[in-house]
Amino acid sequence: MSFKGVYGASTGGDTGFRRTWDKEKYRKPTDIEEEEQPVKKKKNTSRSDKHQDDEDAEPIEPQLLKARDTKVDLETHLNKVQVVTVTGDSKQPGYYCDVCDCTLKDSVAYLDHINGRRHQAGLGYSMRVERSSVEQVKAKLASLKRKQEVPVQEYDLEKRVEQIKREEEADKKARKQEKKEQKQKAREKAVAAEKSNGNGDELEMDPEMAAMMGFGGFNSSKKM
């Protein structure tokens, strides 16, 4: 069997032993992606529709970076045991950022994250700070100077210990006096209760009448 060459001439021999290639199998990936691209566009239409409002909205100019006025809480789950299950990022162990929807493994990474560009952009801040005016700088320097002029009170440890001892002794005396007064009041109440019930009451008698009857007193056993 003879085959024609490139210019139409016979090759003069059988060249069927040569290997043939499947062109469909070895097509370039770019050609396949171009054909599948319309299908991907159809799948992403719903996603693009969700963000259509954000794209149509006017871009908001980010605010200038400001100093944080609240303390970062890093000790909420300190010394606590937490059972970890396979859930979303918000329930994973570590420090969760609800602004960026991510979890950081330790406090150092969390602080780096909240001070970073991505987190500040999520809050609507840029990494630029407000430029201070000359009057603001002068006022700041004046306030620092006033702080330096205020004398620093030295802390005397020995005097503080003596003061604490005196306060403790005064508290002990006050508690002791209070207990004593409570006991006295309880004793007086008991005596008043006995008198009101008639236990141990003594009849009051005129001394002259008692002498005439031969009694010196009801508490004495001797006769006059």
C-alpha atoms as a PDB file:
ATOM      1  CA  MET A   1       0.000   0.000   0.000  1.00  0.00           C
ATOM      2  CA  SER A   2       1.374   3.370  -1.020  1.00  0.00           C
ATOM      3  CA  PHE A   3       0.642   6.798   0.482  1.00  0.00           C
ATOM      4  CA  LYS A   4       0.899  10.199  -1.105  1.00  0.00           C
ATOM      5  CA  GLY A   5       3.446  12.579   0.192  1.00  0.00           C
ATOM      6  CA  VAL A   6       3.128  16.267   0.964  1.00  0.00           C
ATOM      7  CA  TYR A   7       3.409  17.284  -2.734  1.00  0.00           C
ATOM      8  CA  GLY A   8       1.048  14.586  -3.981  1.00  0.00           C
ATOM      9  CA  ALA A   9       3.823  12.170  -5.010  1.00  0.00           C
ATOM     10  CA  SER A  10       3.784   8.611  -3.885  1.00  0.00           C
ATOM     11  CA  THR A  11       6.044   7.807  -0.996  1.00  0.00           C
ATOM     12  CA  GLY A  12       6.947   4.548  -2.605  1.00  0.00           C
ATOM     13  CA  GLY A  13       6.487   2.484   0.497  1.00  0.00           C
ATOM     14  CA  ASP A  14       4.281   1.558   3.384  1.00  0.00           C
ATOM     15  CA  THR A  15       4.507   4.076   6.232  1.00  0.00           C
ATOM     16  CA  GLY A  16       1.644   2.703   8.265  1.00  0.00           C
ATOM     17  CA  PHE A  17       4.040   1.637  10.988  1.00  0.00           C
ATOM     18  CA  ARG A  18       4.323   5.214  12.162  1.00  0.00           C
ATOM     19  CA  ARG A  19       2.457   6.069  15.368  1.00  0.00           C
ATOM     20  CA  THR A  20      -0.586   8.232  15.054  1.00  0.00           C
ATOM     21  CA  TRP A  21      -1.768  10.638  17.809  1.00  0.00           C
ATOM     22  CA  ASP A  22      -5.253  11.311  19.121  1.00  0.00           C
ATOM     23  CA  LYS A  23      -5.606  15.041  18.588  1.00  0.00           C
ATOM     24  CA  GLU A  24      -8.736  15.302  20.744  1.00  0.00           C
ATOM     25  CA  LYS A  25      -6.932  13.716  23.659  1.00  0.00           C
ATOM     26  CA  TYR A  26      -3.921  16.022  23.531  1.00  0.00           C
ATOM     27  CA  ARG A  27      -5.650  19.288  22.919  1.00  0.00           C
ATOM     28  CA  LYS A  28      -4.296  22.273  24.764  1.00  0.00           C
ATOM     29  CA  PRO A  29      -5.939  23.028  28.122  1.00  0.00           C
ATOM     30  CA  THR A  30      -6.502  26.603  27.009  1.00  0.00           C
ATOM     31  CA  ASP A  31      -8.732  25.413  24.158  1.00  0.00           C
ATOM     32  CA  ILE A  32     -10.818  23.353  26.558  1.00  0.00           C
ATOM     33  CA  GLU A  33     -11.117  26.268  29.008  1.00  0.00           C
ATOM     34  CA  GLU A  34     -12.317  28.554  26.247  1.00  0.00           C
ATOM     35  CA  GLU A  35     -15.099  26.122  25.399  1.00  0.00           C
ATOM     36  CA  GLU A  36     -16.092  25.624  29.055  1.00  0.00           C
ATOM     37  CA  GLN A  37     -15.917  29.304  29.916  1.00  0.00           C
ATOM     38  CA  PRO A  38     -19.561  30.049  28.934  1.00  0.00           C
ATOM     39  CA  VAL A  39     -20.694  27.235  31.242  1.00  0.00           C
ATOM     40  CA  LYS A  40     -18.729  28.693  34.139  1.00  0.00           C
ATOM     41  CA  LYS A  41     -20.166  32.103  33.479  1.00  0.00           C
ATOM     42  CA  LYS A  42     -23.669  30.667  33.809  1.00  0.00           C
ATOM     43  CA  LYS A  43     -22.783  29.085  37.147  1.00  0.00           C
ATOM     44  CA  ASN A  44     -21.337  32.330  38.495  1.00  0.00           C
ATOM     45  CA  THR A  45     -24.306  34.479  37.519  1.00  0.00           C
ATOM     46  CA  SER A  46     -25.995  33.939  40.884  1.00  0.00           C
ATOM     47  CA  ARG A  47     -22.833  34.909  42.731  1.00  0.00           C
ATOM     48  CA  SER A  48     -22.381  38.025  40.651  1.00  0.00           C
ATOM     49  CA  ASP A  49     -26.006  38.990  41.233  1.00  0.00           C
ATOM     50  CA  LYS A  50     -25.431  38.935  44.978  1.00  0.00           C
ATOM     51  CA  HIS A  51     -22.607  41.446  44.718  1.00  0.00           C
ATOM     52  CA  GLN A  52     -24.249  43.540  42.051  1.00  0.00           C
ATOM     53  CA  ASP A  53     -25.634  45.972  44.612  1.00  0.00           C
ATOM     54  CA  ASP A  54     -22.195  46.417  46.178  1.00  0.00           C
ATOM     55  CA  GLU A  55     -20.639  47.099  42.809  1.00  0.00           C
ATOM     56  CA  ASP A  56     -23.321  49.597  41.828  1.00  0.00           C
ATOM     57  CA  ALA A  57     -23.056  51.433  45.144  1.00  0.00           C
ATOM     58  CA  GLU A  58     -20.754  54.393  45.390  1.00  0.00           C
ATOM     59  CA  PRO A  59     -17.369  53.591  46.927  1.00  0.00           C
ATOM     60  CA  ILE A  60     -17.071  54.738  50.543  1.00  0.00           C
ATOM     61  CA  GLU A  61     -13.935  56.640  51.367  1.00  0.00           C
ATOM     62  CA  PRO A  62     -12.139  54.947  54.276  1.00  0.00           C
ATOM     63  CA  GLN A  63     -11.740  56.885  57.495  1.00  0.00           C
ATOM     64  CA  LEU A  64      -8.440  57.880  59.002  1.00  0.00           C
ATOM     65  CA  LEU A  65      -6.880  55.446  61.433  1.00  0.00           C
ATOM     66  CA  LYS A  66      -7.666  56.187  65.090  1.00  0.00           C
ATOM     67  CA  ALA A  67      -6.210  54.979  68.358  1.00  0.00           C
ATOM     68  CA  ARG A  68      -8.090  52.164  70.065  1.00  0.00           C
ATOM     69  CA  ASP A  69     -10.087  53.450  73.061  1.00  0.00           C
ATOM     70  CA  THR A  70     -10.972  50.025  74.504  1.00  0.00           C
ATOM     71  CA  LYS A  71      -8.842  47.290  75.971  1.00  0.00           C
ATOM     72  CA  VAL A  72      -8.362  44.136  73.915  1.00  0.00           C
ATOM     73  CA  ASP A  73      -9.757  41.181  75.863  1.00  0.00           C
ATOM     74  CA  LEU A  74      -7.310  38.278  75.664  1.00  0.00           C
ATOM     75  CA  GLU A  75      -8.107  36.594  78.996  1.00  0.00           C
ATOM     76  CA  THR A  76     -11.747  35.556  78.603  1.00  0.00           C
ATOM     77  CA  HIS A  77     -11.003  31.857  78.037  1.00  0.00           C
ATOM     78  CA  LEU A  78      -7.823  31.771  80.136  1.00  0.00           C
ATOM     79  CA  ASN A  79      -7.418  28.597  82.258  1.00  0.00           C
ATOM     80  CA  LYS A  80     -10.599  27.107  80.791  1.00  0.00           C
ATOM     81  CA  VAL A  81     -11.134  23.714  79.169  1.00  0.00           C
ATOM     82  CA  GLN A  82     -12.924  23.824  75.828  1.00  0.00           C
ATOM     83  CA  VAL A  83     -14.250  20.806  73.924  1.00  0.00           C
ATOM     84  CA  VAL A  84     -13.461  21.235  70.226  1.00  0.00           C
ATOM     85  CA  THR A  85     -15.686  19.734  67.536  1.00  0.00           C
ATOM     86  CA  VAL A  86     -15.540  19.916  63.763  1.00  0.00           C
ATOM     87  CA  THR A  87     -17.441  23.140  63.135  1.00  0.00           C
ATOM     88  CA  GLY A  88     -16.962  26.493  61.443  1.00  0.00           C
ATOM     89  CA  ASP A  89     -14.162  28.932  62.118  1.00  0.00           C
ATOM     90  CA  SER A  90     -16.175  30.708  64.805  1.00  0.00           C
ATOM     91  CA  LYS A  91     -16.101  27.582  67.038  1.00  0.00           C
ATOM     92  CA  GLN A  92     -12.525  26.531  66.422  1.00  0.00           C
ATOM     93  CA  PRO A  93      -9.956  26.923  69.234  1.00  0.00           C
ATOM     94  CA  GLY A  94      -8.122  30.208  69.231  1.00  0.00           C
ATOM     95  CA  TYR A  95      -9.084  33.840  68.773  1.00  0.00           C
ATOM     96  CA  TYR A  96     -11.929  34.389  66.341  1.00  0.00           C
ATOM     97  CA  CYS A  97     -12.313  37.639  64.378  1.00  0.00           C
ATOM     98  CA  ASP A  98     -15.948  38.207  63.448  1.00  0.00           C
ATOM     99  CA  VAL A  99     -15.028  41.054  61.094  1.00  0.00           C
ATOM    100  CA  CYS A 100     -12.797  38.953  58.846  1.00  0.00           C
ATOM    101  CA  ASP A 101     -14.363  35.550  59.687  1.00  0.00           C
ATOM    102  CA  CYS A 102     -11.081  33.873  60.575  1.00  0.00           C
ATOM    103  CA  THR A 103      -9.521  32.199  63.617  1.00  0.00           C
ATOM    104  CA  LEU A 104      -6.013  32.924  64.892  1.00  0.00           C
ATOM    105  CA  LYS A 105      -4.114  30.284  66.832  1.00  0.00           C
ATOM    106  CA  ASP A 106      -2.620  32.501  69.563  1.00  0.00           C
ATOM    107  CA  SER A 107      -2.768  35.998  71.033  1.00  0.00           C
ATOM    108  CA  VAL A 108       0.311  37.224  69.169  1.00  0.00           C
ATOM    109  CA  ALA A 109      -1.183  36.350  65.793  1.00  0.00           C
ATOM    110  CA  TYR A 110      -4.515  37.867  66.860  1.00  0.00           C
ATOM    111  CA  LEU A 111      -2.906  41.194  67.809  1.00  0.00           C
ATOM    112  CA  ASP A 112      -0.984  41.267  64.535  1.00  0.00           C
ATOM    113  CA  HIS A 113      -4.224  40.614  62.672  1.00  0.00           C
ATOM    114  CA  ILE A 114      -6.365  43.311  64.318  1.00  0.00           C
ATOM    115  CA  ASN A 115      -3.583  45.834  63.767  1.00  0.00           C
ATOM    116  CA  GLY A 116      -3.116  44.808  60.137  1.00  0.00           C
ATOM    117  CA  ARG A 117      -4.357  46.282  56.908  1.00  0.00           C
ATOM    118  CA  ARG A 118      -6.986  43.612  56.180  1.00  0.00           C
ATOM    119  CA  HIS A 119      -8.793  44.008  59.501  1.00  0.00           C
ATOM    120  CA  GLN A 120      -8.707  47.799  59.408  1.00  0.00           C
ATOM    121  CA  ALA A 121     -10.072  47.750  55.867  1.00  0.00           C
ATOM    122  CA  GLY A 122     -12.933  45.567  57.069  1.00  0.00           C
ATOM    123  CA  LEU A 123     -13.723  48.173  59.724  1.00  0.00           C
ATOM    124  CA  GLY A 124     -13.655  50.945  57.145  1.00  0.00           C
ATOM    125  CA  TYR A 125     -10.327  52.486  58.134  1.00  0.00           C
ATOM    126  CA  SER A 126      -7.262  53.197  56.089  1.00  0.00           C
ATOM    127  CA  MET A 127      -3.708  52.924  57.387  1.00  0.00           C
ATOM    128  CA  ARG A 128      -3.301  56.691  57.305  1.00  0.00           C
ATOM    129  CA  VAL A 129      -3.487  58.756  60.471  1.00  0.00           C
ATOM    130  CA  GLU A 130      -4.684  62.290  60.974  1.00  0.00           C
ATOM    131  CA  ARG A 131      -1.961  64.868  60.710  1.00  0.00           C
ATOM    132  CA  SER A 132      -1.664  66.922  63.895  1.00  0.00           C
ATOM    133  CA  SER A 133      -1.696  70.683  63.725  1.00  0.00           C
ATOM    134  CA  VAL A 134       0.806  72.995  65.402  1.00  0.00           C
ATOM    135  CA  GLU A 135      -1.699  73.899  68.134  1.00  0.00           C
ATOM    136  CA  GLN A 136      -2.331  70.233  68.944  1.00  0.00           C
ATOM    137  CA  VAL A 137       1.397  69.542  69.239  1.00  0.00           C
ATOM    138  CA  LYS A 138       1.867  72.542  71.550  1.00  0.00           C
ATOM    139  CA  ALA A 139      -1.043  71.458  73.743  1.00  0.00           C
ATOM    140  CA  LYS A 140       0.359  67.926  73.999  1.00  0.00           C
ATOM    141  CA  LEU A 141       3.812  69.186  74.964  1.00  0.00           C
ATOM    142  CA  ALA A 142       2.295  71.501  77.577  1.00  0.00           C
ATOM    143  CA  SER A 143       0.334  68.635  79.152  1.00  0.00           C
ATOM    144  CA  LEU A 144       3.459  66.462  79.302  1.00  0.00           C
ATOM    145  CA  LYS A 145       5.382  69.298  80.923  1.00  0.00           C
ATOM    146  CA  ARG A 146       2.707  69.710  83.602  1.00  0.00           C
ATOM    147  CA  LYS A 147       2.904  66.010  84.385  1.00  0.00           C
ATOM    148  CA  GLN A 148       6.667  66.230  84.864  1.00  0.00           C
ATOM    149  CA  GLU A 149       6.319  69.191  87.218  1.00  0.00           C
ATOM    150  CA  VAL A 150       4.033  67.273  89.574  1.00  0.00           C
ATOM    151  CA  PRO A 151       6.226  65.787  92.347  1.00  0.00           C
ATOM    152  CA  VAL A 152       6.163  62.031  92.536  1.00  0.00           C
ATOM    153  CA  GLN A 153       5.225  60.784  95.980  1.00  0.00           C
ATOM    154  CA  GLU A 154       7.723  58.276  97.299  1.00  0.00           C
ATOM    155  CA  TYR A 155       6.296  55.079  98.715  1.00  0.00           C
ATOM    156  CA  ASP A 156       7.641  54.182 102.161  1.00  0.00           C
ATOM    157  CA  LEU A 157       7.139  50.478 102.780  1.00  0.00           C
ATOM    158  CA  GLU A 158       7.937  50.558 106.514  1.00  0.00           C
ATOM    159  CA  LYS A 159       5.431  53.322 107.212  1.00  0.00           C
ATOM    160  CA  ARG A 160       2.809  51.482 105.246  1.00  0.00           C
ATOM    161  CA  VAL A 161       3.393  48.280 107.261  1.00  0.00           C
ATOM    162  CA  GLU A 162       3.119  50.195 110.540  1.00  0.00           C
ATOM    163  CA  GLN A 163      -0.077  51.851 109.384  1.00  0.00           C
ATOM    164  CA  ILE A 164      -1.594  48.475 108.499  1.00  0.00           C
ATOM    165  CA  LYS A 165      -0.664  47.109 111.952  1.00  0.00           C
ATOM    166  CA  ARG A 166      -2.300  50.061 113.707  1.00  0.00           C
ATOM    167  CA  GLU A 167      -5.444  49.632 111.653  1.00  0.00           C
ATOM    168  CA  GLU A 168      -5.597  45.912 112.492  1.00  0.00           C
ATOM    169  CA  GLU A 169      -5.163  46.599 116.232  1.00  0.00           C
ATOM    170  CA  ALA A 170      -7.899  49.232 116.128  1.00  0.00           C
ATOM    171  CA  ASP A 171     -10.208  46.762 114.387  1.00  0.00           C
ATOM    172  CA  LYS A 172      -9.517  44.106 117.038  1.00  0.00           C
ATOM    173  CA  LYS A 173     -10.293  46.531 119.872  1.00  0.00           C
ATOM    174  CA  ALA A 174     -13.479  47.651 118.174  1.00  0.00           C
ATOM    175  CA  ARG A 175     -14.655  44.046 117.691  1.00  0.00           C
ATOM    176  CA  LYS A 176     -13.788  43.204 121.302  1.00  0.00           C
ATOM    177  CA  GLN A 177     -15.708  46.199 122.634  1.00  0.00           C
ATOM    178  CA  GLU A 178     -18.670  45.329 120.449  1.00  0.00           C
ATOM    179  CA  LYS A 179     -18.770  41.764 121.801  1.00  0.00           C
ATOM    180  CA  LYS A 180     -18.570  43.075 125.351  1.00  0.00           C
ATOM    181  CA  GLU A 181     -21.491  45.421 124.790  1.00  0.00           C
ATOM    182  CA  GLN A 182     -23.525  42.624 123.222  1.00  0.00           C
ATOM    183  CA  LYS A 183     -22.921  40.388 126.267  1.00  0.00           C
ATOM    184  CA  GLN A 184     -23.905  43.204 128.640  1.00  0.00           C
ATOM    185  CA  LYS A 185     -27.122  43.826 126.723  1.00  0.00           C
ATOM    186  CA  ALA A 186     -27.932  40.111 126.756  1.00  0.00           C
ATOM    187  CA  ARG A 187     -27.349  39.948 130.530  1.00  0.00           C
ATOM    188  CA  GLU A 188     -29.600  42.940 131.148  1.00  0.00           C
ATOM    189  CA  LYS A 189     -32.326  41.422 129.000  1.00  0.00           C
ATOM    190  CA  ALA A 190     -32.125  38.152 130.961  1.00  0.00           C
ATOM    191  CA  VAL A 191     -32.430  39.951 134.305  1.00  0.00           C
ATOM    192  CA  ALA A 192     -35.367  41.997 133.066  1.00  0.00           C
ATOM    193  CA  ALA A 193     -37.075  38.822 131.852  1.00  0.00           C
ATOM    194  CA  GLU A 194     -36.657  37.140 135.256  1.00  0.00           C
ATOM    195  CA  LYS A 195     -38.117  40.143 137.061  1.00  0.00           C
ATOM    196  CA  SER A 196     -41.085  40.301 134.726  1.00  0.00           C
ATOM    197  CA  ASN A 197     -41.821  36.593 135.320  1.00  0.00           C
ATOM    198  CA  GLY A 198     -41.671  37.009 139.136  1.00  0.00           C
ATOM    199  CA  ASN A 199     -38.711  34.638 139.614  1.00  0.00           C
ATOM    200  CA  GLY A 200     -36.592  35.628 142.579  1.00  0.00           C
ATOM    201  CA  ASP A 201     -38.620  38.753 143.362  1.00  0.00           C
ATOM    202  CA  GLU A 202     -38.238  40.209 146.816  1.00  0.00           C
ATOM    203  CA  LEU A 203     -41.068  41.957 148.626  1.00  0.00           C
ATOM    204  CA  GLU A 204     -40.218  45.471 149.612  1.00  0.00           C
ATOM    205  CA  MET A 205     -40.915  46.186 153.329  1.00  0.00           C
ATOM    206  CA  ASP A 206     -40.472  49.176 155.564  1.00  0.00           C
ATOM    207  CA  PRO A 207     -37.276  48.794 157.662  1.00  0.00           C
ATOM    208  CA  GLU A 208     -39.085  49.759 160.929  1.00  0.00           C
ATOM    209  CA  MET A 209     -41.794  47.175 160.288  1.00  0.00           C
ATOM    210  CA  ALA A 210     -39.150  44.556 159.579  1.00  0.00           C
ATOM    211  CA  ALA A 211     -37.390  45.416 162.871  1.00  0.00           C
ATOM    212  CA  MET A 212     -40.622  45.122 164.829  1.00  0.00           C
ATOM    213  CA  MET A 213     -41.242  41.717 163.303  1.00  0.00           C
ATOM    214  CA  GLY A 214     -37.753  40.600 164.179  1.00  0.00           C
ATOM    215  CA  PHE A 215     -36.375  40.461 160.636  1.00  0.00           C
ATOM    216  CA  GLY A 216     -33.335  42.395 159.561  1.00  0.00           C
ATOM    217  CA  GLY A 217     -34.109  41.654 155.946  1.00  0.00           C
ATOM    218  CA  PHE A 218     -35.429  38.919 153.777  1.00  0.00           C
ATOM    219  CA  ASN A 219     -31.915  38.098 152.548  1.00  0.00           C
ATOM    220  CA  SER A 220     -30.578  37.542 156.069  1.00  0.00           C
ATOM    221  CA  SER A 221     -31.246  34.567 158.295  1.00  0.00           C
ATOM    222  CA  LYS A 222     -30.423  36.417 161.536  1.00  0.00           C
ATOM    223  CA  LYS A 223     -33.111  37.885 163.756  1.00  0.00           C
ATOM    224  CA  MET A 224     -32.929  41.226 165.457  1.00  0.00           C
END
